[in-house]
Amino acid sequence: MDWIQAAWPNPLLSILIAAAIVHCVAGLWATAIATRKGYAYLQWLVIGLIGGSFAVLLSRRLSDRNS
């Protein structure tokens, strides 16, 4: 366990890193949802990486452009 404390001296840092990873995964998920509905990939990648969980909720409400 000493090597963990050497790598992560501050437990808050590990929590922040985990939260950032979850935030970015949610952004990628929002991008996938919006792209499947016919919206621009790059635009939703930026929106998703900035918005995180809120972008997922927003992308779920989008209308389908494919039909």
Protein backbone atom coordinates (compact mmCIF):
# COMPACT_ATOMS: atom_id res chain seq x y z
CA MET A 1 0.00 0.00 0.00
CA ASP A 2 2.97 2.35 0.33
CA TRP A 3 3.36 2.55 -3.44
CA ILE A 4 -0.21 3.84 -3.73
CA GLN A 5 0.48 6.63 -1.27
CA ALA A 6 3.70 7.42 -3.12
CA ALA A 7 1.84 7.66 -6.43
CA TRP A 8 -1.20 9.49 -5.00
CA PRO A 9 0.01 11.52 -2.04
CA ASN A 10 -3.25 13.41 -1.76
CA PRO A 11 -6.53 11.44 -1.74
CA LEU A 12 -8.37 14.48 -3.11
CA LEU A 13 -6.26 14.27 -6.26
CA SER A 14 -7.43 10.73 -6.95
CA ILE A 15 -11.06 11.79 -6.44
CA LEU A 16 -10.63 14.69 -8.86
CA ILE A 17 -9.01 12.46 -11.47
CA ALA A 18 -11.80 9.89 -11.15
CA ALA A 19 -14.43 12.63 -11.46
CA ALA A 20 -12.71 14.01 -14.58
CA ILE A 21 -12.65 10.56 -16.16
CA VAL A 22 -16.37 10.04 -15.45
CA HIS A 23 -17.10 13.53 -16.83
CA CYS A 24 -15.26 12.81 -20.09
CA VAL A 25 -16.87 9.38 -20.48
CA ALA A 26 -20.28 11.01 -20.08
CA GLY A 27 -19.27 13.52 -22.76
CA LEU A 28 -18.27 10.73 -25.12
CA TRP A 29 -21.57 9.01 -24.41
CA ALA A 30 -23.46 12.21 -25.27
CA THR A 31 -21.45 12.47 -28.48
CA ALA A 32 -22.39 8.91 -29.42
CA ILE A 33 -26.08 9.56 -28.78
CA ALA A 34 -26.13 12.80 -30.78
CA THR A 35 -24.14 11.31 -33.64
CA ARG A 36 -26.51 8.35 -33.85
CA LYS A 37 -29.37 10.85 -34.14
CA GLY A 38 -27.66 12.60 -37.06
CA TYR A 39 -25.92 15.58 -35.44
CA ALA A 40 -22.35 16.75 -36.08
CA TYR A 41 -19.69 14.65 -34.33
CA LEU A 42 -17.14 17.39 -33.62
CA GLN A 43 -19.71 19.84 -32.33
CA TRP A 44 -21.14 17.30 -29.90
CA LEU A 45 -17.69 16.15 -28.86
CA VAL A 46 -16.92 19.68 -27.68
CA ILE A 47 -20.35 20.05 -26.05
CA GLY A 48 -20.00 16.66 -24.39
CA LEU A 49 -16.50 17.19 -23.03
CA ILE A 50 -17.50 20.55 -21.59
CA GLY A 51 -20.97 19.59 -20.39
CA GLY A 52 -20.43 16.03 -19.20
CA SER A 53 -23.59 14.60 -17.62
CA PHE A 54 -25.70 17.57 -18.66
CA ALA A 55 -24.77 16.93 -22.28
CA VAL A 56 -26.06 13.36 -21.97
CA LEU A 57 -29.40 14.64 -20.74
CA LEU A 58 -29.53 17.21 -23.54
CA SER A 59 -28.56 14.74 -26.25
CA ARG A 60 -31.29 12.34 -25.13
CA ARG A 61 -33.88 15.08 -25.78
CA LEU A 62 -32.70 15.83 -29.34
CA SER A 63 -35.02 15.02 -32.22
CA ASP A 64 -33.88 12.48 -34.78
CA ARG A 65 -32.43 14.07 -37.93
CA ASN A 66 -31.94 10.78 -39.77
CA SER A 67 -35.54 10.36 -40.87
